[in-house]
Amino acid sequence: MSIQSEILPLRTLGKACHEGALERCCSVVCGLRPDIVEVAEQPPAISYIDDAGRHRRHIFNFRITTTKDERYLAAVKPSALVAISGIGRLIALVAEQMSPSFADYVVLITEKELSRV
């Protein structure tokens, strides 16, 4: 089996595991920004109620803390999958229902928010 045809479920960068290159890039960019003091991967699940009234749980990719002590829950998704996945609505629901003690903001990060450099 060649390396190109081998399917690997996770990629590793240091001690952190990443489900894809975009998540890895986001982690690296966050680590390089001077205004970010902490990046926690896979923070505890957030509970919310969906549009059908069902209780759901979602695990965000990152919880990011800035030098201004602002806390962000970040979902990382390729822009091509944003509409298909419904992640925009999920983020809106979580933002409406989440306790402010857990995070200040909920954001979606796609490759468009990351610098090519």
N, C-alpha and C. Protein backbone atom coordinates (compact mmCIF):
# COMPACT_ATOMS: atom_id res chain seq x y z
N MET A 1 0.85 -1.17 0.00
CA MET A 1 0.00 0.00 0.00
C MET A 1 0.90 1.24 0.00
N SER A 2 0.63 2.15 -0.92
CA SER A 2 1.42 3.37 -0.96
C SER A 2 0.94 4.34 0.11
N ILE A 3 1.79 5.28 0.45
CA ILE A 3 1.44 6.27 1.47
C ILE A 3 0.23 7.09 1.01
N GLN A 4 0.15 7.41 -0.28
CA GLN A 4 -0.95 8.23 -0.77
C GLN A 4 -2.30 7.53 -0.66
N SER A 5 -2.32 6.22 -0.75
CA SER A 5 -3.61 5.53 -0.69
C SER A 5 -3.98 5.11 0.73
N GLU A 6 -3.07 5.29 1.68
CA GLU A 6 -3.35 4.91 3.06
C GLU A 6 -4.29 5.94 3.70
N ILE A 7 -5.33 5.48 4.34
CA ILE A 7 -6.28 6.37 4.98
C ILE A 7 -5.97 6.42 6.46
N LEU A 8 -5.70 7.61 6.96
CA LEU A 8 -5.40 7.80 8.36
C LEU A 8 -6.52 8.62 9.00
N PRO A 9 -7.08 8.17 10.12
CA PRO A 9 -8.20 8.89 10.73
C PRO A 9 -7.81 10.20 11.38
N LEU A 10 -6.61 10.32 11.90
CA LEU A 10 -6.17 11.53 12.56
C LEU A 10 -4.77 11.91 12.12
N ARG A 11 -4.51 13.19 12.11
CA ARG A 11 -3.15 13.67 11.86
C ARG A 11 -2.65 14.27 13.15
N THR A 12 -1.36 14.16 13.40
CA THR A 12 -0.81 14.63 14.67
C THR A 12 0.17 15.76 14.44
N LEU A 13 0.04 16.80 15.26
CA LEU A 13 0.97 17.92 15.28
C LEU A 13 1.37 18.10 16.73
N GLY A 14 2.58 17.70 17.07
CA GLY A 14 2.98 17.73 18.47
C GLY A 14 2.15 16.73 19.25
N LYS A 15 1.54 17.18 20.34
CA LYS A 15 0.72 16.30 21.16
C LYS A 15 -0.75 16.36 20.78
N ALA A 16 -1.11 17.25 19.87
CA ALA A 16 -2.52 17.45 19.53
C ALA A 16 -2.90 16.66 18.29
N CYS A 17 -4.09 16.10 18.30
CA CYS A 17 -4.62 15.38 17.15
C CYS A 17 -5.63 16.26 16.42
N HIS A 18 -5.65 16.16 15.10
CA HIS A 18 -6.53 16.97 14.28
C HIS A 18 -7.24 16.10 13.26
N GLU A 19 -8.52 16.34 13.06
CA GLU A 19 -9.29 15.55 12.12
C GLU A 19 -9.04 15.96 10.69
N GLY A 20 -8.43 17.08 10.47
CA GLY A 20 -8.17 17.51 9.10
C GLY A 20 -7.18 18.65 9.06
N ALA A 21 -6.73 18.94 7.85
CA ALA A 21 -5.73 19.98 7.66
C ALA A 21 -6.25 21.35 8.07
N LEU A 22 -7.51 21.62 7.82
CA LEU A 22 -8.07 22.93 8.19
C LEU A 22 -8.04 23.14 9.70
N GLU A 23 -8.43 22.13 10.44
CA GLU A 23 -8.39 22.23 11.90
C GLU A 23 -6.96 22.42 12.39
N ARG A 24 -6.03 21.71 11.79
CA ARG A 24 -4.62 21.84 12.15
C ARG A 24 -4.12 23.25 11.86
N CYS A 25 -4.47 23.78 10.69
CA CYS A 25 -4.05 25.14 10.32
C CYS A 25 -4.63 26.16 11.29
N CYS A 26 -5.87 25.99 11.67
CA CYS A 26 -6.51 26.90 12.61
C CYS A 26 -5.77 26.87 13.95
N SER A 27 -5.42 25.70 14.41
CA SER A 27 -4.69 25.56 15.66
C SER A 27 -3.33 26.26 15.59
N VAL A 28 -2.64 26.09 14.48
CA VAL A 28 -1.33 26.73 14.31
C VAL A 28 -1.46 28.25 14.29
N VAL A 29 -2.43 28.76 13.52
CA VAL A 29 -2.64 30.21 13.43
C VAL A 29 -2.98 30.79 14.80
N CYS A 30 -3.87 30.12 15.53
CA CYS A 30 -4.23 30.60 16.87
C CYS A 30 -3.01 30.62 17.79
N GLY A 31 -2.17 29.61 17.67
CA GLY A 31 -0.97 29.54 18.49
C GLY A 31 0.04 30.63 18.18
N LEU A 32 0.00 31.17 16.97
CA LEU A 32 0.93 32.22 16.57
C LEU A 32 0.45 33.63 16.88
N ARG A 33 -0.85 33.77 17.12
CA ARG A 33 -1.40 35.11 17.34
C ARG A 33 -1.06 35.60 18.75
N PRO A 34 -0.51 36.82 18.86
CA PRO A 34 -0.13 37.34 20.19
C PRO A 34 -1.34 37.67 21.07
N ASP A 35 -2.52 37.84 20.48
CA ASP A 35 -3.70 38.18 21.27
C ASP A 35 -4.44 36.95 21.79
N ILE A 36 -3.95 35.76 21.49
CA ILE A 36 -4.57 34.52 21.97
C ILE A 36 -3.65 33.89 23.01
N VAL A 37 -4.20 33.67 24.20
CA VAL A 37 -3.39 33.13 25.30
C VAL A 37 -3.63 31.64 25.56
N GLU A 38 -4.78 31.12 25.09
CA GLU A 38 -5.06 29.70 25.30
C GLU A 38 -5.95 29.16 24.20
N VAL A 39 -5.62 27.95 23.75
CA VAL A 39 -6.44 27.24 22.77
C VAL A 39 -6.69 25.85 23.34
N ALA A 40 -7.93 25.59 23.72
CA ALA A 40 -8.30 24.28 24.25
C ALA A 40 -9.03 23.52 23.14
N GLU A 41 -8.52 22.35 22.82
CA GLU A 41 -9.15 21.52 21.79
C GLU A 41 -10.26 20.68 22.39
N GLN A 42 -11.32 20.50 21.61
CA GLN A 42 -12.44 19.64 21.99
C GLN A 42 -12.92 19.95 23.42
N PRO A 43 -13.38 21.19 23.66
CA PRO A 43 -13.89 21.51 25.00
C PRO A 43 -15.14 20.67 25.30
N PRO A 44 -15.60 20.67 26.54
CA PRO A 44 -16.78 19.88 26.88
C PRO A 44 -17.97 20.21 25.98
N ALA A 45 -18.81 19.22 25.77
CA ALA A 45 -19.98 19.39 24.91
C ALA A 45 -20.92 20.45 25.45
N ILE A 46 -21.56 21.14 24.53
CA ILE A 46 -22.57 22.15 24.84
C ILE A 46 -23.94 21.54 24.53
N SER A 47 -24.87 21.68 25.45
CA SER A 47 -26.24 21.20 25.22
C SER A 47 -27.08 22.34 24.68
N TYR A 48 -27.97 22.01 23.76
CA TYR A 48 -28.89 23.01 23.21
C TYR A 48 -30.14 22.29 22.71
N ILE A 49 -31.17 23.07 22.42
CA ILE A 49 -32.41 22.52 21.89
C ILE A 49 -32.51 22.94 20.43
N ASP A 50 -32.70 21.96 19.54
CA ASP A 50 -32.76 22.27 18.11
C ASP A 50 -34.13 22.82 17.72
N ASP A 51 -34.29 23.14 16.45
CA ASP A 51 -35.53 23.74 15.96
C ASP A 51 -36.75 22.83 16.11
N ALA A 52 -36.52 21.53 16.23
CA ALA A 52 -37.62 20.58 16.41
C ALA A 52 -37.93 20.34 17.88
N GLY A 53 -37.21 21.03 18.77
CA GLY A 53 -37.45 20.88 20.21
C GLY A 53 -36.70 19.72 20.85
N ARG A 54 -35.79 19.11 20.12
CA ARG A 54 -35.00 17.99 20.65
C ARG A 54 -33.74 18.50 21.35
N HIS A 55 -33.40 17.84 22.44
CA HIS A 55 -32.16 18.16 23.14
C HIS A 55 -30.99 17.57 22.36
N ARG A 56 -29.99 18.38 22.11
CA ARG A 56 -28.80 17.96 21.36
C ARG A 56 -27.56 18.36 22.12
N ARG A 57 -26.44 17.79 21.70
CA ARG A 57 -25.12 18.16 22.24
C ARG A 57 -24.18 18.37 21.07
N HIS A 58 -23.28 19.33 21.24
CA HIS A 58 -22.29 19.58 20.20
C HIS A 58 -20.94 19.85 20.86
N ILE A 59 -19.91 19.29 20.29
CA ILE A 59 -18.54 19.55 20.76
C ILE A 59 -17.87 20.44 19.73
N PHE A 60 -17.48 21.63 20.15
CA PHE A 60 -16.78 22.55 19.26
C PHE A 60 -15.33 22.11 19.11
N ASN A 61 -14.70 22.58 18.05
CA ASN A 61 -13.31 22.21 17.81
C ASN A 61 -12.35 22.86 18.80
N PHE A 62 -12.64 24.12 19.15
CA PHE A 62 -11.74 24.85 20.03
C PHE A 62 -12.50 25.78 20.97
N ARG A 63 -11.90 26.04 22.11
CA ARG A 63 -12.30 27.15 22.98
C ARG A 63 -11.06 28.02 23.07
N ILE A 64 -11.20 29.24 22.60
CA ILE A 64 -10.07 30.16 22.46
C ILE A 64 -10.23 31.29 23.47
N THR A 65 -9.16 31.59 24.20
CA THR A 65 -9.17 32.70 25.16
C THR A 65 -8.16 33.74 24.70
N THR A 66 -8.60 35.01 24.71
CA THR A 66 -7.74 36.11 24.25
C THR A 66 -7.11 36.85 25.44
N THR A 67 -6.20 37.75 25.12
CA THR A 67 -5.55 38.57 26.15
C THR A 67 -6.55 39.50 26.83
N LYS A 68 -7.70 39.77 26.19
CA LYS A 68 -8.76 40.59 26.78
C LYS A 68 -9.70 39.74 27.62
N ASP A 69 -9.34 38.48 27.84
CA ASP A 69 -10.12 37.51 28.60
C ASP A 69 -11.48 37.23 27.95
N GLU A 70 -11.54 37.34 26.63
CA GLU A 70 -12.72 36.94 25.88
C GLU A 70 -12.57 35.47 25.51
N ARG A 71 -13.68 34.74 25.62
CA ARG A 71 -13.66 33.31 25.32
C ARG A 71 -14.55 33.02 24.13
N TYR A 72 -13.99 32.32 23.16
CA TYR A 72 -14.69 31.99 21.92
C TYR A 72 -14.82 30.48 21.80
N LEU A 73 -15.99 30.00 21.44
CA LEU A 73 -16.15 28.61 21.01
C LEU A 73 -16.07 28.65 19.50
N ALA A 74 -15.19 27.86 18.93
CA ALA A 74 -14.97 27.89 17.48
C ALA A 74 -15.29 26.55 16.84
N ALA A 75 -16.14 26.62 15.83
CA ALA A 75 -16.40 25.48 14.97
C ALA A 75 -15.57 25.69 13.71
N VAL A 76 -14.83 24.68 13.30
CA VAL A 76 -13.98 24.76 12.12
C VAL A 76 -14.60 23.88 11.04
N LYS A 77 -14.87 24.49 9.88
CA LYS A 77 -15.56 23.75 8.80
C LYS A 77 -15.13 24.31 7.46
N PRO A 78 -14.84 23.47 6.48
CA PRO A 78 -14.56 23.97 5.12
C PRO A 78 -15.76 24.76 4.60
N SER A 79 -15.51 25.87 3.93
CA SER A 79 -16.60 26.73 3.46
C SER A 79 -17.56 25.98 2.53
N ALA A 80 -17.07 25.01 1.79
CA ALA A 80 -17.92 24.25 0.88
C ALA A 80 -18.96 23.40 1.63
N LEU A 81 -18.71 23.13 2.91
CA LEU A 81 -19.62 22.29 3.69
C LEU A 81 -20.52 23.08 4.64
N VAL A 82 -20.35 24.39 4.69
CA VAL A 82 -21.11 25.19 5.65
C VAL A 82 -22.61 25.07 5.40
N ALA A 83 -23.06 25.32 4.19
CA ALA A 83 -24.50 25.27 3.89
C ALA A 83 -25.06 23.86 4.04
N ILE A 84 -24.33 22.87 3.56
CA ILE A 84 -24.79 21.48 3.60
C ILE A 84 -24.92 20.97 5.03
N SER A 85 -23.98 21.35 5.88
CA SER A 85 -23.93 20.80 7.24
C SER A 85 -24.93 21.44 8.20
N GLY A 86 -25.38 22.63 7.90
CA GLY A 86 -26.28 23.33 8.82
C GLY A 86 -25.57 23.91 10.03
N ILE A 87 -24.26 24.01 9.96
CA ILE A 87 -23.47 24.50 11.10
C ILE A 87 -23.83 25.94 11.47
N GLY A 88 -24.24 26.74 10.50
CA GLY A 88 -24.62 28.12 10.79
C GLY A 88 -25.80 28.20 11.74
N ARG A 89 -26.80 27.37 11.50
CA ARG A 89 -27.97 27.35 12.38
C ARG A 89 -27.60 26.80 13.75
N LEU A 90 -26.78 25.76 13.79
CA LEU A 90 -26.34 25.18 15.05
C LEU A 90 -25.64 26.24 15.89
N ILE A 91 -24.75 27.01 15.26
CA ILE A 91 -24.02 28.05 15.98
C ILE A 91 -24.98 29.10 16.52
N ALA A 92 -25.97 29.48 15.72
CA ALA A 92 -26.95 30.47 16.17
C ALA A 92 -27.73 29.95 17.38
N LEU A 93 -28.15 28.70 17.34
CA LEU A 93 -28.90 28.12 18.45
C LEU A 93 -28.05 28.04 19.72
N VAL A 94 -26.82 27.60 19.58
CA VAL A 94 -25.93 27.51 20.74
C VAL A 94 -25.68 28.90 21.32
N ALA A 95 -25.43 29.88 20.46
CA ALA A 95 -25.18 31.24 20.93
C ALA A 95 -26.37 31.79 21.72
N GLU A 96 -27.57 31.47 21.27
CA GLU A 96 -28.79 31.94 21.97
C GLU A 96 -28.98 31.26 23.32
N GLN A 97 -28.60 29.99 23.42
CA GLN A 97 -28.95 29.19 24.59
C GLN A 97 -27.81 28.96 25.58
N MET A 98 -26.59 29.20 25.19
CA MET A 98 -25.43 28.89 26.01
C MET A 98 -25.30 29.82 27.21
N SER A 99 -24.83 29.28 28.30
CA SER A 99 -24.55 30.09 29.49
C SER A 99 -23.35 30.99 29.22
N PRO A 100 -23.45 32.27 29.58
CA PRO A 100 -22.31 33.18 29.39
C PRO A 100 -21.10 32.79 30.24
N SER A 101 -21.28 31.91 31.20
CA SER A 101 -20.14 31.49 32.02
C SER A 101 -19.20 30.56 31.25
N PHE A 102 -19.68 29.99 30.15
CA PHE A 102 -18.84 29.06 29.38
C PHE A 102 -18.04 29.75 28.29
N ALA A 103 -18.64 30.71 27.60
CA ALA A 103 -17.94 31.44 26.54
C ALA A 103 -18.70 32.73 26.25
N ASP A 104 -17.98 33.69 25.66
CA ASP A 104 -18.57 34.98 25.32
C ASP A 104 -19.12 34.99 23.90
N TYR A 105 -18.49 34.24 23.01
CA TYR A 105 -18.84 34.25 21.59
C TYR A 105 -18.78 32.84 21.02
N VAL A 106 -19.58 32.62 19.98
CA VAL A 106 -19.52 31.38 19.21
C VAL A 106 -19.24 31.78 17.77
N VAL A 107 -18.19 31.19 17.18
CA VAL A 107 -17.77 31.59 15.84
C VAL A 107 -17.58 30.38 14.93
N LEU A 108 -17.69 30.64 13.65
CA LEU A 108 -17.40 29.65 12.62
C LEU A 108 -16.13 30.09 11.91
N ILE A 109 -15.17 29.19 11.81
CA ILE A 109 -13.92 29.48 11.12
C ILE A 109 -13.83 28.57 9.91
N THR A 110 -13.67 29.17 8.72
CA THR A 110 -13.44 28.42 7.49
C THR A 110 -12.06 28.79 6.98
N GLU A 111 -11.67 28.18 5.88
CA GLU A 111 -10.36 28.50 5.30
C GLU A 111 -10.29 29.96 4.86
N LYS A 112 -11.43 30.59 4.66
CA LYS A 112 -11.45 31.98 4.24
C LYS A 112 -10.99 32.94 5.33
N GLU A 113 -11.10 32.52 6.59
CA GLU A 113 -10.65 33.34 7.71
C GLU A 113 -9.15 33.17 8.01
N LEU A 114 -8.52 32.19 7.41
CA LEU A 114 -7.10 31.93 7.68
C LEU A 114 -6.23 32.51 6.57
N SER A 115 -5.12 33.08 6.95
CA SER A 115 -4.18 33.63 5.98
C SER A 115 -3.49 32.51 5.21
N ARG A 116 -3.27 32.69 3.91
CA ARG A 116 -2.55 31.68 3.14
C ARG A 116 -1.11 31.57 3.58
N VAL A 117 -0.57 32.66 4.11
CA VAL A 117 0.81 32.66 4.59
C VAL A 117 0.91 31.77 5.81
